[in-house]
Each structure stands twice: as structure tokens, then as C-alpha cells.
PDB file of N, CA and C in Angstrom:
ATOM      1  N   MET A   1       0.546  -0.960   0.548  1.00  0.00           N
ATOM      2  CA  MET A   1       0.375   0.024  -0.209  1.00  0.00           C
ATOM      3  C   MET A   1       0.916   1.065   0.237  1.00  0.00           C
ATOM      4  N   GLY A   2       0.272   2.551  -1.027  1.00  0.00           N
ATOM      5  CA  GLY A   2       1.522   3.493  -0.685  1.00  0.00           C
ATOM      6  C   GLY A   2       1.038   3.707   0.106  1.00  0.00           C
ATOM      7  N   ALA A   3       2.123   5.416   0.714  1.00  0.00           N
ATOM      8  CA  ALA A   3       1.873   6.111   1.197  1.00  0.00           C
ATOM      9  C   ALA A   3       1.025   7.568   1.361  1.00  0.00           C
ATOM     10  N   ARG A   4       0.916   8.226   1.850  1.00  0.00           N
ATOM     11  CA  ARG A   4      -0.011   9.488   2.196  1.00  0.00           C
ATOM     12  C   ARG A   4       0.307  10.452   2.091  1.00  0.00           C
ATOM     13  N   PHE A   5      -0.019  11.524   1.572  1.00  0.00           N
ATOM     14  CA  PHE A   5       0.485  12.944   1.846  1.00  0.00           C
ATOM     15  C   PHE A   5      -0.344  13.859   1.693  1.00  0.00           C
ATOM     16  N   LYS A   6      -0.316  15.033   2.667  1.00  0.00           N
ATOM     17  CA  LYS A   6      -1.539  15.643   2.748  1.00  0.00           C
ATOM     18  C   LYS A   6      -1.148  17.193   2.484  1.00  0.00           C
ATOM     19  N   MET A   7      -0.801  18.161   1.577  1.00  0.00           N
ATOM     20  CA  MET A   7      -0.256  18.825   1.774  1.00  0.00           C
ATOM     21  C   MET A   7      -1.037  20.222   2.801  1.00  0.00           C
ATOM     22  N   SER A   8      -0.124  20.642   3.523  1.00  0.00           N
ATOM     23  CA  SER A   8      -0.403  22.151   4.430  1.00  0.00           C
ATOM     24  C   SER A   8       0.071  23.290   3.659  1.00  0.00           C
ATOM     25  N   ARG A   9      -0.641  24.393   2.603  1.00  0.00           N
ATOM     26  CA  ARG A   9       0.054  25.702   2.605  1.00  0.00           C
ATOM     27  C   ARG A   9       0.278  26.372   3.607  1.00  0.00           C
ATOM     28  N   LYS A  10       0.091  26.212   5.059  1.00  0.00           N
ATOM     29  CA  LYS A  10       0.516  27.316   5.972  1.00  0.00           C
ATOM     30  C   LYS A  10       1.923  26.784   5.584  1.00  0.00           C
ATOM     31  N   GLY A  11       1.705  25.248   6.159  1.00  0.00           N
ATOM     32  CA  GLY A  11       3.347  24.539   6.463  1.00  0.00           C
ATOM     33  C   GLY A  11       4.421  24.808   5.498  1.00  0.00           C
ATOM     34  N   VAL A  12       3.897  24.864   4.296  1.00  0.00           N
ATOM     35  CA  VAL A  12       5.102  24.924   3.081  1.00  0.00           C
ATOM     36  C   VAL A  12       5.553  26.746   3.163  1.00  0.00           C
ATOM     37  N   GLY A  13       4.656  27.427   3.604  1.00  0.00           N
ATOM     38  CA  GLY A  13       4.993  28.677   3.684  1.00  0.00           C
ATOM     39  C   GLY A  13       6.059  29.069   4.675  1.00  0.00           C
ATOM     40  N   GLN A  14       5.474  28.147   5.777  1.00  0.00           N
ATOM     41  CA  GLN A  14       6.387  28.319   6.917  1.00  0.00           C
ATOM     42  C   GLN A  14       8.124  27.730   6.518  1.00  0.00           C
ATOM     43  N   MET A  15       8.201  27.283   5.737  1.00  0.00           N
ATOM     44  CA  MET A  15       9.559  26.131   5.395  1.00  0.00           C
ATOM     45  C   MET A  15       9.921  26.809   4.930  1.00  0.00           C
ATOM     46  N   LEU A  16       8.774  27.659   3.758  1.00  0.00           N
ATOM     47  CA  LEU A  16       9.906  28.100   3.112  1.00  0.00           C
ATOM     48  C   LEU A  16      10.592  29.880   3.379  1.00  0.00           C
ATOM     49  N   ARG A  17       9.818  30.340   4.247  1.00  0.00           N
ATOM     50  CA  ARG A  17      10.148  31.486   5.017  1.00  0.00           C
ATOM     51  C   ARG A  17      11.426  31.020   6.651  1.00  0.00           C
ATOM     52  N   MET A  18      11.782  29.710   6.858  1.00  0.00           N
ATOM     53  CA  MET A  18      12.700  29.274   7.832  1.00  0.00           C
ATOM     54  C   MET A  18      14.016  29.944   8.095  1.00  0.00           C
ATOM     55  N   PRO A  19      14.626  30.468   9.133  1.00  0.00           N
ATOM     56  CA  PRO A  19      16.063  31.168   9.266  1.00  0.00           C
ATOM     57  C   PRO A  19      16.940  30.418   8.284  1.00  0.00           C
ATOM     58  N   THR A  20      16.559  28.654   8.393  1.00  0.00           N
ATOM     59  CA  THR A  20      17.908  27.975   7.606  1.00  0.00           C
ATOM     60  C   THR A  20      17.688  27.883   6.022  1.00  0.00           C
ATOM     61  N   MET A  21      16.430  28.658   5.491  1.00  0.00           N
ATOM     62  CA  MET A  21      16.026  28.845   4.097  1.00  0.00           C
ATOM     63  C   MET A  21      16.633  29.833   3.905  1.00  0.00           C
ATOM     64  N   GLN A  22      16.881  30.635   4.565  1.00  0.00           N
ATOM     65  CA  GLN A  22      17.156  32.315   4.413  1.00  0.00           C
ATOM     66  C   GLN A  22      18.505  32.293   4.195  1.00  0.00           C
ATOM     67  N   ALA A  23      19.381  31.317   5.312  1.00  0.00           N
ATOM     68  CA  ALA A  23      20.848  31.410   4.804  1.00  0.00           C
ATOM     69  C   ALA A  23      20.900  30.562   3.935  1.00  0.00           C
ATOM     70  N   GLU A  24      20.112  29.720   3.396  1.00  0.00           N
ATOM     71  CA  GLU A  24      21.208  29.000   2.271  1.00  0.00           C
ATOM     72  C   GLU A  24      20.597  29.722   1.244  1.00  0.00           C
ATOM     73  N   MET A  25      19.490  30.623   1.243  1.00  0.00           N
ATOM     74  CA  MET A  25      19.858  31.451   0.399  1.00  0.00           C
ATOM     75  C   MET A  25      21.032  32.418  -0.375  1.00  0.00           C
ATOM     76  N   LEU A  26      21.144  32.929   1.497  1.00  0.00           N
ATOM     77  CA  LEU A  26      22.392  33.420   1.276  1.00  0.00           C
ATOM     78  C   LEU A  26      23.511  32.705   0.749  1.00  0.00           C
ATOM     79  N   ARG A  27      23.826  31.828   1.287  1.00  0.00           N
ATOM     80  CA  ARG A  27      25.330  30.769   0.854  1.00  0.00           C
ATOM     81  C   ARG A  27      25.060  31.094  -0.541  1.00  0.00           C
ATOM     82  N   ARG A  28      23.963  30.679  -1.473  1.00  0.00           N
ATOM     83  CA  ARG A  28      24.022  30.725  -2.688  1.00  0.00           C
ATOM     84  C   ARG A  28      24.141  32.250  -3.159  1.00  0.00           C
ATOM     85  N   ALA A  29      23.570  33.050  -2.669  1.00  0.00           N
ATOM     86  CA  ALA A  29      24.274  34.103  -3.518  1.00  0.00           C
ATOM     87  C   ALA A  29      25.828  34.512  -3.603  1.00  0.00           C
ATOM     88  N   GLU A  30      25.933  34.229  -2.060  1.00  0.00           N
ATOM     89  CA  GLU A  30      27.534  34.527  -1.998  1.00  0.00           C
ATOM     90  C   GLU A  30      28.548  33.383  -2.823  1.00  0.00           C
ATOM     91  N   VAL A  31      27.555  32.724  -3.407  1.00  0.00           N
ATOM     92  CA  VAL A  31      28.554  31.431  -4.547  1.00  0.00           C
ATOM     93  C   VAL A  31      28.560  32.371  -6.265  1.00  0.00           C
ATOM     94  N   ILE A  32      27.286  33.194  -6.337  1.00  0.00           N
ATOM     95  CA  ILE A  32      27.012  33.873  -7.014  1.00  0.00           C
ATOM     96  C   ILE A  32      27.885  34.933  -6.964  1.00  0.00           C
ATOM     97  N   LYS A  33      27.988  35.671  -6.373  1.00  0.00           N
ATOM     98  CA  LYS A  33      29.044  36.715  -6.086  1.00  0.00           C
ATOM     99  C   LYS A  33      30.605  36.682  -6.270  1.00  0.00           C
ATOM    100  N   GLY A  34      30.602  35.281  -5.949  1.00  0.00           N
ATOM    101  CA  GLY A  34      32.189  34.863  -6.295  1.00  0.00           C
ATOM    102  C   GLY A  34      32.377  34.663  -7.281  1.00  0.00           C
ATOM    103  N   VAL A  35      31.446  34.228  -8.357  1.00  0.00           N
ATOM    104  CA  VAL A  35      31.749  33.951  -9.102  1.00  0.00           C
ATOM    105  C   VAL A  35      31.422  35.205 -10.242  1.00  0.00           C
ATOM    106  N   ALA A  36      30.799  36.773  -9.845  1.00  0.00           N
ATOM    107  CA  ALA A  36      30.753  37.623 -10.845  1.00  0.00           C
ATOM    108  C   ALA A  36      32.023  38.867 -10.077  1.00  0.00           C
ATOM    109  N   ILE A  37      32.673  38.228  -9.000  1.00  0.00           N
ATOM    110  CA  ILE A  37      33.700  38.988  -8.694  1.00  0.00           C
ATOM    111  C   ILE A  37      34.822  38.282  -9.822  1.00  0.00           C
ATOM    112  N   ALA A  38      34.933  37.340 -10.269  1.00  0.00           N
ATOM    113  CA  ALA A  38      35.838  36.468 -10.654  1.00  0.00           C
ATOM    114  C   ALA A  38      36.186  36.692 -12.445  1.00  0.00           C
ATOM    115  N   THR A  39      34.697  37.055 -12.640  1.00  0.00           N
ATOM    116  CA  THR A  39      34.558  37.699 -13.717  1.00  0.00           C
ATOM    117  C   THR A  39      34.208  39.007 -14.597  1.00  0.00           C
ATOM    118  N   SER A  40      34.523  39.930 -13.512  1.00  0.00           N
ATOM    119  CA  SER A  40      34.270  40.630 -13.803  1.00  0.00           C
ATOM    120  C   SER A  40      35.343  41.882 -14.007  1.00  0.00           C
ATOM    121  N   PRO A  41      35.079  42.016 -15.506  1.00  0.00           N
ATOM    122  CA  PRO A  41      35.982  43.112 -16.499  1.00  0.00           C
ATOM    123  C   PRO A  41      36.665  44.374 -15.844  1.00  0.00           C
ATOM    124  N   VAL A  42      37.834  44.559 -15.273  1.00  0.00           N
ATOM    125  CA  VAL A  42      38.590  46.127 -15.014  1.00  0.00           C
ATOM    126  C   VAL A  42      39.257  46.600 -15.838  1.00  0.00           C
ATOM    127  N   ASP A  43      39.085  48.220 -16.201  1.00  0.00           N
ATOM    128  CA  ASP A  43      39.272  49.130 -17.423  1.00  0.00           C
ATOM    129  C   ASP A  43      40.533  49.240 -15.985  1.00  0.00           C
ATOM    130  N   ALA A  44      41.683  49.191 -16.082  1.00  0.00           N
ATOM    131  CA  ALA A  44      43.062  49.366 -15.989  1.00  0.00           C
ATOM    132  C   ALA A  44      43.373  50.611 -16.340  1.00  0.00           C
ATOM    133  N   GLY A  45      42.936  51.758 -17.606  1.00  0.00           N
ATOM    134  CA  GLY A  45      43.272  52.687 -17.684  1.00  0.00           C
ATOM    135  C   GLY A  45      41.813  53.314 -17.585  1.00  0.00           C
ATOM    136  N   GLY A  46      40.973  53.143 -16.865  1.00  0.00           N
ATOM    137  CA  GLY A  46      39.429  53.675 -16.823  1.00  0.00           C
ATOM    138  C   GLY A  46      40.212  55.242 -15.565  1.00  0.00           C
ATOM    139  N   PRO A  47      39.410  55.606 -15.477  1.00  0.00           N
ATOM    140  CA  PRO A  47      39.021  56.544 -14.379  1.00  0.00           C
ATOM    141  C   PRO A  47      38.460  55.918 -12.905  1.00  0.00           C
ATOM    142  N   HIS A  48      37.989  54.598 -12.810  1.00  0.00           N
ATOM    143  CA  HIS A  48      37.727  53.940 -11.484  1.00  0.00           C
ATOM    144  C   HIS A  48      38.323  52.492 -11.649  1.00  0.00           C
ATOM    145  N   PRO A  49      39.818  52.241 -11.968  1.00  0.00           N
ATOM    146  CA  PRO A  49      40.383  50.610 -12.255  1.00  0.00           C
ATOM    147  C   PRO A  49      39.522  50.115 -10.517  1.00  0.00           C
ATOM    148  N   GLY A  50      39.177  48.870 -11.038  1.00  0.00           N
ATOM    149  CA  GLY A  50      38.250  48.034 -10.281  1.00  0.00           C
ATOM    150  C   GLY A  50      37.389  48.354  -9.566  1.00  0.00           C
ATOM    151  N   HIS A  51      37.152  49.142  -9.162  1.00  0.00           N
ATOM    152  CA  HIS A  51      35.885  49.812  -8.376  1.00  0.00           C
ATOM    153  C   HIS A  51      34.335  48.963  -9.296  1.00  0.00           C
ATOM    154  N   TYR A  52      34.571  48.518 -10.292  1.00  0.00           N
ATOM    155  CA  TYR A  52      33.087  47.473 -10.352  1.00  0.00           C
ATOM    156  C   TYR A  52      33.586  46.514  -9.752  1.00  0.00           C
ATOM    157  N   LYS A  53      34.417  46.002  -9.870  1.00  0.00           N
ATOM    158  CA  LYS A  53      34.676  44.086  -9.108  1.00  0.00           C
ATOM    159  C   LYS A  53      34.160  44.106  -7.923  1.00  0.00           C
ATOM    160  N   ALA A  54      34.859  45.438  -7.121  1.00  0.00           N
ATOM    161  CA  ALA A  54      34.584  45.541  -5.196  1.00  0.00           C
ATOM    162  C   ALA A  54      33.672  46.260  -5.299  1.00  0.00           C
ATOM    163  N   SER A  55      32.647  46.854  -6.076  1.00  0.00           N
ATOM    164  CA  SER A  55      31.010  46.717  -5.384  1.00  0.00           C
ATOM    165  C   SER A  55      30.137  46.036  -5.067  1.00  0.00           C
ATOM    166  N   TRP A  56      30.256  44.228  -5.425  1.00  0.00           N
ATOM    167  CA  TRP A  56      29.440  43.412  -5.070  1.00  0.00           C
ATOM    168  C   TRP A  56      28.615  43.549  -3.960  1.00  0.00           C
ATOM    169  N   GLU A  57      28.105  43.180  -3.973  1.00  0.00           N
ATOM    170  CA  GLU A  57      27.145  43.208  -2.818  1.00  0.00           C
ATOM    171  C   GLU A  57      25.728  41.973  -2.688  1.00  0.00           C
ATOM    172  N   THR A  58      25.915  41.118  -1.384  1.00  0.00           N
ATOM    173  CA  THR A  58      25.029  40.091  -1.010  1.00  0.00           C
ATOM    174  C   THR A  58      24.102  40.658  -0.241  1.00  0.00           C
ATOM    175  N   ASP A  59      22.741  40.043   0.096  1.00  0.00           N
ATOM    176  CA  ASP A  59      21.591  40.613   1.001  1.00  0.00           C
ATOM    177  C   ASP A  59      20.501  38.793   1.016  1.00  0.00           C
ATOM    178  N   SER A  60      19.308  39.024   1.968  1.00  0.00           N
ATOM    179  CA  SER A  60      18.938  37.895   2.185  1.00  0.00           C
ATOM    180  C   SER A  60      17.864  38.330   2.698  1.00  0.00           C
ATOM    181  N   THR A  61      16.747  37.587   2.377  1.00  0.00           N
ATOM    182  CA  THR A  61      15.585  38.350   3.306  1.00  0.00           C
ATOM    183  C   THR A  61      14.422  37.076   4.165  1.00  0.00           C
ATOM    184  N   ARG A  62      13.903  36.661   4.813  1.00  0.00           N
ATOM    185  CA  ARG A  62      12.717  36.496   4.955  1.00  0.00           C
ATOM    186  C   ARG A  62      11.331  36.485   3.857  1.00  0.00           C
ATOM    187  N   ARG A  63      10.770  37.258   4.167  1.00  0.00           N
ATOM    188  CA  ARG A  63      10.331  38.340   2.360  1.00  0.00           C
ATOM    189  C   ARG A  63      10.110  38.465   1.407  1.00  0.00           C
ATOM    190  N   GLY A  64      11.417  37.639   0.260  1.00  0.00           N
ATOM    191  CA  GLY A  64      11.113  37.824  -0.888  1.00  0.00           C
ATOM    192  C   GLY A  64      10.112  37.432  -1.685  1.00  0.00           C
ATOM    193  N   GLY A  65      10.985  37.241  -2.914  1.00  0.00           N
ATOM    194  CA  GLY A  65       9.965  37.025  -4.263  1.00  0.00           C
ATOM    195  C   GLY A  65       9.162  37.658  -4.489  1.00  0.00           C
ATOM    196  N   HIS A  66       8.657  37.342  -5.421  1.00  0.00           N
ATOM    197  CA  HIS A  66       6.941  38.130  -6.361  1.00  0.00           C
ATOM    198  C   HIS A  66       6.128  38.640  -4.921  1.00  0.00           C
ATOM    199  N   ARG A  67       5.532  37.477  -4.136  1.00  0.00           N
ATOM    200  CA  ARG A  67       4.688  37.437  -3.346  1.00  0.00           C
ATOM    201  C   ARG A  67       5.292  37.655  -1.934  1.00  0.00           C
ATOM    202  N   ARG A  68       6.439  38.332  -1.668  1.00  0.00           N
ATOM    203  CA  ARG A  68       6.866  38.500  -0.274  1.00  0.00           C
ATOM    204  C   ARG A  68       6.773  37.592   0.313  1.00  0.00           C
ATOM    205  N   ASP A  69       6.248  35.739   0.276  1.00  0.00           N
ATOM    206  CA  ASP A  69       6.297  34.968   0.555  1.00  0.00           C
ATOM    207  C   ASP A  69       6.947  33.855   1.039  1.00  0.00           C
ATOM    208  N   ARG A  70       8.195  34.236   0.450  1.00  0.00           N
ATOM    209  CA  ARG A  70       9.185  33.336   0.759  1.00  0.00           C
ATOM    210  C   ARG A  70      10.958  33.841   1.123  1.00  0.00           C
ATOM    211  N   ALA A  71      11.565  32.727   1.780  1.00  0.00           N
ATOM    212  CA  ALA A  71      13.300  33.378   1.771  1.00  0.00           C
ATOM    213  C   ALA A  71      13.975  33.597   0.229  1.00  0.00           C
ATOM    214  N   ALA A  72      14.352  34.616   0.299  1.00  0.00           N
ATOM    215  CA  ALA A  72      15.238  34.812  -1.252  1.00  0.00           C
ATOM    216  C   ALA A  72      16.646  35.604  -0.675  1.00  0.00           C
ATOM    217  N   GLY A  73      17.899  35.416  -1.503  1.00  0.00           N
ATOM    218  CA  GLY A  73      18.593  36.003  -1.538  1.00  0.00           C
ATOM    219  C   GLY A  73      19.397  36.866  -2.606  1.00  0.00           C
ATOM    220  N   TYR A  74      19.990  37.801  -2.746  1.00  0.00           N
ATOM    221  CA  TYR A  74      19.881  38.769  -3.575  1.00  0.00           C
ATOM    222  C   TYR A  74      21.679  39.444  -3.880  1.00  0.00           C
ATOM    223  N   VAL A  75      21.771  39.736  -5.256  1.00  0.00           N
ATOM    224  CA  VAL A  75      22.878  40.060  -6.006  1.00  0.00           C
ATOM    225  C   VAL A  75      23.104  41.095  -6.315  1.00  0.00           C
ATOM    226  N   ARG A  76      23.820  42.718  -5.974  1.00  0.00           N
ATOM    227  CA  ARG A  76      23.692  43.445  -6.763  1.00  0.00           C
ATOM    228  C   ARG A  76      25.326  44.073  -6.674  1.00  0.00           C
ATOM    229  N   ASN A  77      25.369  45.248  -7.941  1.00  0.00           N
ATOM    230  CA  ASN A  77      26.594  45.544  -7.933  1.00  0.00           C
ATOM    231  C   ASN A  77      26.454  47.167  -8.086  1.00  0.00           C
ATOM    232  N   THR A  78      26.926  48.283  -6.723  1.00  0.00           N
ATOM    233  CA  THR A  78      26.596  49.430  -6.700  1.00  0.00           C
ATOM    234  C   THR A  78      27.153  50.813  -7.247  1.00  0.00           C
ATOM    235  N   ALA A  79      28.321  49.947  -8.342  1.00  0.00           N
ATOM    236  CA  ALA A  79      28.371  50.803  -9.004  1.00  0.00           C
ATOM    237  C   ALA A  79      27.621  51.482  -9.941  1.00  0.00           C
ATOM    238  N   TYR A  80      27.682  53.239 -10.072  1.00  0.00           N
ATOM    239  CA  TYR A  80      26.309  53.405 -10.923  1.00  0.00           C
ATOM    240  C   TYR A  80      26.254  52.554 -11.955  1.00  0.00           C
ATOM    241  N   TYR A  81      27.415  52.840 -12.979  1.00  0.00           N
ATOM    242  CA  TYR A  81      27.828  52.249 -14.556  1.00  0.00           C
ATOM    243  C   TYR A  81      27.193  50.538 -14.218  1.00  0.00           C
ATOM    244  N   ALA A  82      26.823  49.881 -13.281  1.00  0.00           N
ATOM    245  CA  ALA A  82      26.912  48.770 -13.317  1.00  0.00           C
ATOM    246  C   ALA A  82      26.222  48.290 -14.604  1.00  0.00           C
ATOM    247  N   ARG A  83      24.491  49.030 -14.383  1.00  0.00           N
ATOM    248  CA  ARG A  83      23.763  48.533 -15.788  1.00  0.00           C
ATOM    249  C   ARG A  83      24.192  48.544 -16.726  1.00  0.00           C
ATOM    250  N   TRP A  84      24.751  49.410 -17.661  1.00  0.00           N
ATOM    251  CA  TRP A  84      26.044  49.494 -18.437  1.00  0.00           C
ATOM    252  C   TRP A  84      26.926  48.416 -18.719  1.00  0.00           C
ATOM    253  N   VAL A  85      27.574  48.023 -17.843  1.00  0.00           N
ATOM    254  CA  VAL A  85      28.318  46.869 -17.688  1.00  0.00           C
ATOM    255  C   VAL A  85      27.502  45.878 -18.441  1.00  0.00           C
ATOM    256  N   GLU A  86      26.776  45.704 -17.616  1.00  0.00           N
ATOM    257  CA  GLU A  86      25.970  44.111 -17.815  1.00  0.00           C
ATOM    258  C   GLU A  86      25.040  43.962 -19.069  1.00  0.00           C
ATOM    259  N   TYR A  87      24.552  45.189 -19.549  1.00  0.00           N
ATOM    260  CA  TYR A  87      23.810  45.312 -20.664  1.00  0.00           C
ATOM    261  C   TYR A  87      24.173  46.104 -22.096  1.00  0.00           C
ATOM    262  N   GLY A  88      25.008  46.629 -22.109  1.00  0.00           N
ATOM    263  CA  GLY A  88      25.661  47.380 -23.022  1.00  0.00           C
ATOM    264  C   GLY A  88      25.163  48.330 -23.070  1.00  0.00           C
ATOM    265  N   THR A  89      26.134  49.608 -24.486  1.00  0.00           N
ATOM    266  CA  THR A  89      25.281  50.708 -24.547  1.00  0.00           C
ATOM    267  C   THR A  89      25.709  50.519 -26.238  1.00  0.00           C
ATOM    268  N   GLU A  90      25.558  51.394 -26.862  1.00  0.00           N
ATOM    269  CA  GLU A  90      25.521  51.607 -28.267  1.00  0.00           C
ATOM    270  C   GLU A  90      27.001  51.240 -29.116  1.00  0.00           C
ATOM    271  N   LYS A  91      27.976  51.465 -27.426  1.00  0.00           N
ATOM    272  CA  LYS A  91      29.557  51.686 -28.393  1.00  0.00           C
ATOM    273  C   LYS A  91      30.441  50.713 -27.222  1.00  0.00           C
ATOM    274  N   VAL A  92      29.402  50.323 -26.492  1.00  0.00           N
ATOM    275  CA  VAL A  92      30.138  49.367 -25.476  1.00  0.00           C
ATOM    276  C   VAL A  92      28.909  48.136 -25.759  1.00  0.00           C
ATOM    277  N   PRO A  93      30.185  47.003 -25.764  1.00  0.00           N
ATOM    278  CA  PRO A  93      29.037  45.463 -25.734  1.00  0.00           C
ATOM    279  C   PRO A  93      29.197  45.280 -24.327  1.00  0.00           C
ATOM    280  N   ALA A  94      27.501  44.543 -24.315  1.00  0.00           N
ATOM    281  CA  ALA A  94      27.384  43.883 -22.841  1.00  0.00           C
ATOM    282  C   ALA A  94      27.728  42.709 -22.512  1.00  0.00           C
ATOM    283  N   HIS A  95      28.726  42.615 -21.213  1.00  0.00           N
ATOM    284  CA  HIS A  95      29.443  41.893 -20.126  1.00  0.00           C
ATOM    285  C   HIS A  95      28.497  40.631 -19.768  1.00  0.00           C
ATOM    286  N   HIS A  96      27.605  41.147 -19.724  1.00  0.00           N
ATOM    287  CA  HIS A  96      26.481  39.801 -18.574  1.00  0.00           C
ATOM    288  C   HIS A  96      27.298  39.475 -17.520  1.00  0.00           C
ATOM    289  N   VAL A  97      28.178  40.046 -17.237  1.00  0.00           N
ATOM    290  CA  VAL A  97      28.266  40.038 -15.570  1.00  0.00           C
ATOM    291  C   VAL A  97      27.573  38.723 -14.612  1.00  0.00           C
ATOM    292  N   LEU A  98      26.700  39.538 -14.339  1.00  0.00           N
ATOM    293  CA  LEU A  98      25.408  38.960 -13.413  1.00  0.00           C
ATOM    294  C   LEU A  98      25.024  37.617 -13.741  1.00  0.00           C
ATOM    295  N   LEU A  99      24.522  38.036 -15.186  1.00  0.00           N
ATOM    296  CA  LEU A  99      23.504  36.643 -16.003  1.00  0.00           C
ATOM    297  C   LEU A  99      24.317  35.447 -15.699  1.00  0.00           C
ATOM    298  N   ARG A 100      25.739  35.352 -16.118  1.00  0.00           N
ATOM    299  CA  ARG A 100      26.900  34.439 -16.536  1.00  0.00           C
ATOM    300  C   ARG A 100      27.130  33.867 -15.023  1.00  0.00           C
ATOM    301  N   ALA A 101      26.975  34.948 -14.482  1.00  0.00           N
ATOM    302  CA  ALA A 101      26.915  34.399 -12.777  1.00  0.00           C
ATOM    303  C   ALA A 101      26.060  33.697 -12.220  1.00  0.00           C
ATOM    304  N   ALA A 102      24.986  33.725 -12.437  1.00  0.00           N
ATOM    305  CA  ALA A 102      24.003  33.357 -12.012  1.00  0.00           C
ATOM    306  C   ALA A 102      24.120  31.906 -12.636  1.00  0.00           C
ATOM    307  N   LEU A 103      23.946  31.761 -14.143  1.00  0.00           N
ATOM    308  CA  LEU A 103      24.120  30.454 -14.512  1.00  0.00           C
ATOM    309  C   LEU A 103      25.277  29.675 -14.115  1.00  0.00           C
ATOM    310  N   ILE A 104      26.487  30.204 -13.998  1.00  0.00           N
ATOM    311  CA  ILE A 104      27.591  29.130 -13.238  1.00  0.00           C
ATOM    312  C   ILE A 104      27.456  29.411 -11.748  1.00  0.00           C
ATOM    313  N   GLY A 105      27.243  29.964 -11.298  1.00  0.00           N
ATOM    314  CA  GLY A 105      27.335  29.856  -9.808  1.00  0.00           C
ATOM    315  C   GLY A 105      26.385  28.981  -8.838  1.00  0.00           C
ATOM    316  N   GLY A 106      25.400  29.344  -9.875  1.00  0.00           N
ATOM    317  CA  GLY A 106      23.654  28.476  -9.331  1.00  0.00           C
ATOM    318  C   GLY A 106      23.747  26.697  -9.914  1.00  0.00           C
ATOM    319  N   ARG A 107      24.818  26.304 -10.358  1.00  0.00           N
ATOM    320  CA  ARG A 107      24.768  24.856 -10.926  1.00  0.00           C
ATOM    321  C   ARG A 107      24.827  24.237  -9.704  1.00  0.00           C
ATOM    322  N   ASN A 108      23.868  23.496  -9.075  1.00  0.00           N
ATOM    323  CA  ASN A 108      24.579  22.431  -7.919  1.00  0.00           C
ATOM    324  C   ASN A 108      25.442  22.497  -6.814  1.00  0.00           C
ATOM    325  N   GLN A 109      25.648  24.019  -6.736  1.00  0.00           N
ATOM    326  CA  GLN A 109      25.969  24.776  -5.388  1.00  0.00           C
ATOM    327  C   GLN A 109      25.901  24.860  -4.262  1.00  0.00           C
TER     328      GLN A 109
END
């Protein structure tokens, strides 16, 4: 005879907001941050050499996601020009540092 399972939405919600889940999301964000730092371009001749690479931050919360109902980890770059490095401009090609870091760092880590 097979086992029976009855899902509790309240219980699943509590599980998704547990401190251990938040800690795991932060750990995964730190892995992605490490890959982003390793792959960040540095313009040695520019006005701020290494600033973009040094501006990566991580954070986590127990109320993340679209509905604010689960733990989430965040990776961001605080350099004012980070969006231009990530997405490029008409003169500078996109580097997609965060995208590539999430793809590489998010694999079975």
C-alpha cells in the first residue's frame, strides 16, 4: 500500500520562510557573488580601475519573491555604471557578468 501525503499550504509557507532557508539563499547568493567578482571586467586605464569589481554585495530576506512569501537571496553591484557593464550601450558591448555568474554559480552549489 502506498504512502499518503496531505500538503499544508501554511506549513509549506513556514518552511519557505525558515531561517535555515534564508541562510541557504544567502549562501547561494555568496557563491554567485564569488563568480561575479572573478569574471568582472577591470578597465585598468579607466578613471575607476577595480571599482566595479569591488562593488558586489549580497543580502537575504525571509520575505522575498514576487508575493513576499519566501526566503530570497540578492546579488547586486552598487557601481552607478553597473547596468551599462551588464547590458552594454550602443558603443560598448554587454558583458552580462551577473547573468553568467547566476548561470555558473547556480549549478549544484
